[in-house]
Amino acid sequence: MYTMQSWSCIFLIICSMQSVCHCCDWIRHHYGHLSAEYLPLLDQMGGDITKQNAPVLFPTSLYRHIDDAEFEDKVIFLKETIYQITKLFDGNMKSATWDKKNLDDFLNILERQLENLNSCVSPAMKPERRLKRYFKKLNSKVLRKMNYSAQAWELIGKETKRNLQRLDILAAQMY
């Protein structure tokens, strides 16, 4: 009886390790490829990125903190950041002056990235609350306060680019 339970336990451990390894392989081999596709699209969506700074401080300390975190925490951070970015782009975009096709392609690639990262983490794993607060402030202090204007969307584009570039650095450091 114990032998059967032992083998079952070993089998489950091996299966769970396989899914983690699959995720690790996906991040290693595909995350950067998708990133290399959506960053240029972000640049091509509209005119020059604004020189104005957002009234929300970039979470530099949060990124420094996650640099020293465990692998799983980094994956959760990648996933949550991309999720929060996609939520920002769910707003009223009528005033955005961006090229519609490039914007759609950008968002589709982000969604693919998010789907793959979702398969890497357990739904029970909780993201960093400070990250959520940062994106909530971007939504309220930039988009809503500026009434979803073209200028607000340019600021969101600038902050999105900064976050995605920083995520690239984080993903590269994971290996």
Protein backbone atom coordinates (compact mmCIF):
# COMPACT_ATOMS: atom_id res chain seq x y z
CA MET A 1 0.00 0.00 0.00
CA TYR A 2 2.77 2.44 0.92
CA THR A 3 4.59 1.60 -2.30
CA MET A 4 1.55 2.58 -4.37
CA GLN A 5 1.15 5.84 -2.44
CA SER A 6 4.86 6.58 -2.75
CA TRP A 7 4.79 6.08 -6.50
CA SER A 8 1.66 8.21 -6.79
CA CYS A 9 3.33 10.96 -4.79
CA ILE A 10 6.49 10.81 -6.91
CA PHE A 11 4.40 10.87 -10.08
CA LEU A 12 2.53 14.00 -8.91
CA ILE A 13 5.76 15.74 -7.97
CA ILE A 14 7.27 14.98 -11.37
CA CYS A 15 4.13 16.20 -13.16
CA SER A 16 4.10 19.44 -11.20
CA MET A 17 7.79 19.96 -11.92
CA GLN A 18 7.10 19.45 -15.61
CA SER A 19 4.62 22.33 -15.66
CA VAL A 20 7.07 24.61 -13.84
CA CYS A 21 9.81 23.64 -16.27
CA HIS A 22 7.46 24.27 -19.19
CA CYS A 23 6.80 27.73 -17.83
CA CYS A 24 10.48 28.36 -17.28
CA ASP A 25 11.18 27.30 -20.83
CA TRP A 26 8.41 29.54 -22.17
CA ILE A 27 9.76 32.58 -20.35
CA ARG A 28 13.30 31.80 -21.44
CA HIS A 29 12.49 31.13 -25.09
CA HIS A 30 9.38 33.19 -25.89
CA TYR A 31 8.94 36.09 -23.47
CA GLY A 32 11.69 38.12 -25.12
CA HIS A 33 10.43 37.34 -28.63
CA LEU A 34 6.96 38.69 -27.85
CA SER A 35 8.46 41.67 -26.06
CA ALA A 36 10.58 42.40 -29.13
CA GLU A 37 7.31 42.54 -31.08
CA TYR A 38 5.24 44.78 -28.81
CA LEU A 39 7.83 47.38 -27.83
CA PRO A 40 8.31 48.62 -31.42
CA LEU A 41 4.52 48.65 -31.88
CA LEU A 42 4.24 50.92 -28.87
CA ASP A 43 6.66 53.33 -30.56
CA GLN A 44 4.80 53.09 -33.88
CA MET A 45 1.32 53.62 -32.45
CA GLY A 46 1.47 57.39 -32.47
CA GLY A 47 3.61 60.46 -32.53
CA ASP A 48 6.50 61.32 -30.29
CA ILE A 49 6.24 60.13 -26.73
CA THR A 50 5.62 63.10 -24.48
CA LYS A 51 8.40 64.71 -22.50
CA GLN A 52 5.93 65.45 -19.70
CA ASN A 53 6.17 63.24 -16.62
CA ALA A 54 3.19 61.47 -15.13
CA PRO A 55 2.01 62.75 -11.75
CA VAL A 56 2.56 59.22 -10.42
CA LEU A 57 6.07 58.18 -9.41
CA PHE A 58 7.49 55.20 -11.27
CA PRO A 59 7.82 52.27 -8.82
CA THR A 60 11.61 52.02 -8.98
CA SER A 61 11.90 50.65 -5.44
CA LEU A 62 9.35 47.96 -6.25
CA TYR A 63 11.40 46.83 -9.25
CA ARG A 64 14.58 46.82 -7.15
CA HIS A 65 12.80 44.73 -4.53
CA ILE A 66 11.54 42.19 -7.09
CA ASP A 67 15.06 41.85 -8.54
CA ASP A 68 16.02 39.98 -5.35
CA ALA A 69 12.83 37.91 -5.13
CA GLU A 70 12.30 34.21 -5.76
CA PHE A 71 11.63 32.97 -9.29
CA GLU A 72 7.89 32.41 -8.70
CA ASP A 73 7.49 35.90 -7.27
CA LYS A 74 9.15 37.34 -10.36
CA VAL A 75 6.77 35.41 -12.62
CA ILE A 76 3.80 36.70 -10.61
CA PHE A 77 5.18 40.23 -10.91
CA LEU A 78 5.58 39.87 -14.69
CA LYS A 79 2.05 38.55 -15.02
CA GLU A 80 0.47 41.14 -12.75
CA THR A 81 2.25 44.06 -14.41
CA ILE A 82 1.13 42.99 -17.87
CA TYR A 83 -2.39 42.39 -16.55
CA GLN A 84 -2.50 45.88 -15.03
CA ILE A 85 -1.26 47.40 -18.29
CA THR A 86 -4.01 45.66 -20.25
CA LYS A 87 -6.55 47.00 -17.73
CA LEU A 88 -5.30 50.55 -18.31
CA PHE A 89 -5.91 50.16 -22.03
CA ASP A 90 -9.52 49.11 -21.37
CA GLY A 91 -10.44 52.74 -20.75
CA ASN A 92 -12.11 55.26 -23.02
CA MET A 93 -9.62 55.53 -25.89
CA LYS A 94 -11.63 57.80 -28.20
CA SER A 95 -9.16 60.66 -27.74
CA ALA A 96 -6.07 58.52 -28.28
CA THR A 97 -4.32 59.52 -31.50
CA TRP A 98 -2.68 56.17 -31.99
CA ASP A 99 -2.75 54.01 -35.10
CA LYS A 100 -5.62 51.58 -34.51
CA LYS A 101 -3.98 48.55 -36.16
CA ASN A 102 -0.71 48.96 -34.25
CA LEU A 103 -2.67 49.45 -31.03
CA ASP A 104 -4.70 46.28 -31.65
CA ASP A 105 -1.56 44.31 -32.49
CA PHE A 106 0.15 45.65 -29.35
CA LEU A 107 -2.78 44.64 -27.14
CA ASN A 108 -3.08 41.21 -28.79
CA ILE A 109 0.57 40.46 -28.11
CA LEU A 110 0.17 41.61 -24.50
CA GLU A 111 -2.82 39.27 -24.17
CA ARG A 112 -0.74 36.36 -25.53
CA GLN A 113 1.99 37.21 -23.05
CA LEU A 114 -0.56 37.32 -20.24
CA GLU A 115 -2.15 33.98 -21.20
CA ASN A 116 1.21 32.24 -21.13
CA LEU A 117 2.21 33.83 -17.84
CA ASN A 118 -1.17 32.86 -16.35
CA SER A 119 -0.42 29.24 -17.12
CA CYS A 120 2.83 29.59 -15.17
CA VAL A 121 1.39 30.67 -11.83
CA SER A 122 -1.18 29.35 -9.44
CA PRO A 123 -4.29 31.52 -9.09
CA ALA A 124 -3.79 31.34 -5.32
CA MET A 125 -0.55 33.33 -5.56
CA LYS A 126 -1.15 36.95 -4.63
CA PRO A 127 0.47 39.84 -6.50
CA GLU A 128 2.22 42.76 -4.87
CA ARG A 129 -0.33 45.30 -3.56
CA ARG A 130 1.98 48.26 -4.20
CA LEU A 131 2.01 47.36 -7.89
CA LYS A 132 -1.79 47.43 -8.02
CA ARG A 133 -1.81 50.80 -6.24
CA TYR A 134 0.65 52.24 -8.76
CA PHE A 135 -1.58 51.29 -11.69
CA LYS A 136 -4.70 52.43 -9.87
CA LYS A 137 -3.06 55.85 -9.39
CA LEU A 138 -2.14 55.96 -13.10
CA ASN A 139 -5.77 55.32 -13.91
CA SER A 140 -7.15 57.92 -11.50
CA LYS A 141 -4.48 60.65 -11.65
CA VAL A 142 -3.74 60.46 -15.35
CA LEU A 143 -6.59 58.96 -17.32
CA ARG A 144 -9.61 60.01 -15.26
CA LYS A 145 -8.24 63.32 -14.01
CA MET A 146 -7.19 64.30 -17.52
CA ASN A 147 -10.55 63.07 -18.87
CA TYR A 148 -9.03 60.37 -21.09
CA SER A 149 -7.49 63.05 -23.31
CA ALA A 150 -4.90 62.42 -26.00
CA GLN A 151 -2.30 63.90 -23.63
CA ALA A 152 -3.35 61.43 -20.90
CA TRP A 153 -2.95 58.52 -23.31
CA GLU A 154 0.50 59.75 -24.32
CA LEU A 155 1.51 59.72 -20.64
CA ILE A 156 0.10 56.22 -20.28
CA GLY A 157 2.07 55.15 -23.36
CA LYS A 158 5.25 56.56 -21.85
CA GLU A 159 4.68 54.81 -18.49
CA THR A 160 3.74 51.58 -20.26
CA LYS A 161 6.97 51.65 -22.22
CA ARG A 162 9.01 52.24 -19.06
CA ASN A 163 7.31 49.32 -17.32
CA LEU A 164 7.67 46.95 -20.27
CA GLN A 165 11.34 47.80 -20.67
CA ARG A 166 11.90 47.17 -16.98
CA LEU A 167 10.04 43.84 -17.25
CA ASP A 168 12.42 42.85 -20.05
CA ILE A 169 15.34 43.44 -17.72
CA LEU A 170 13.64 41.41 -15.00
CA ALA A 171 12.89 38.51 -17.36
CA ALA A 172 16.48 38.52 -18.66
CA GLN A 173 17.79 38.35 -15.10
CA MET A 174 15.72 35.26 -14.40
CA TYR A 175 18.23 33.11 -16.31
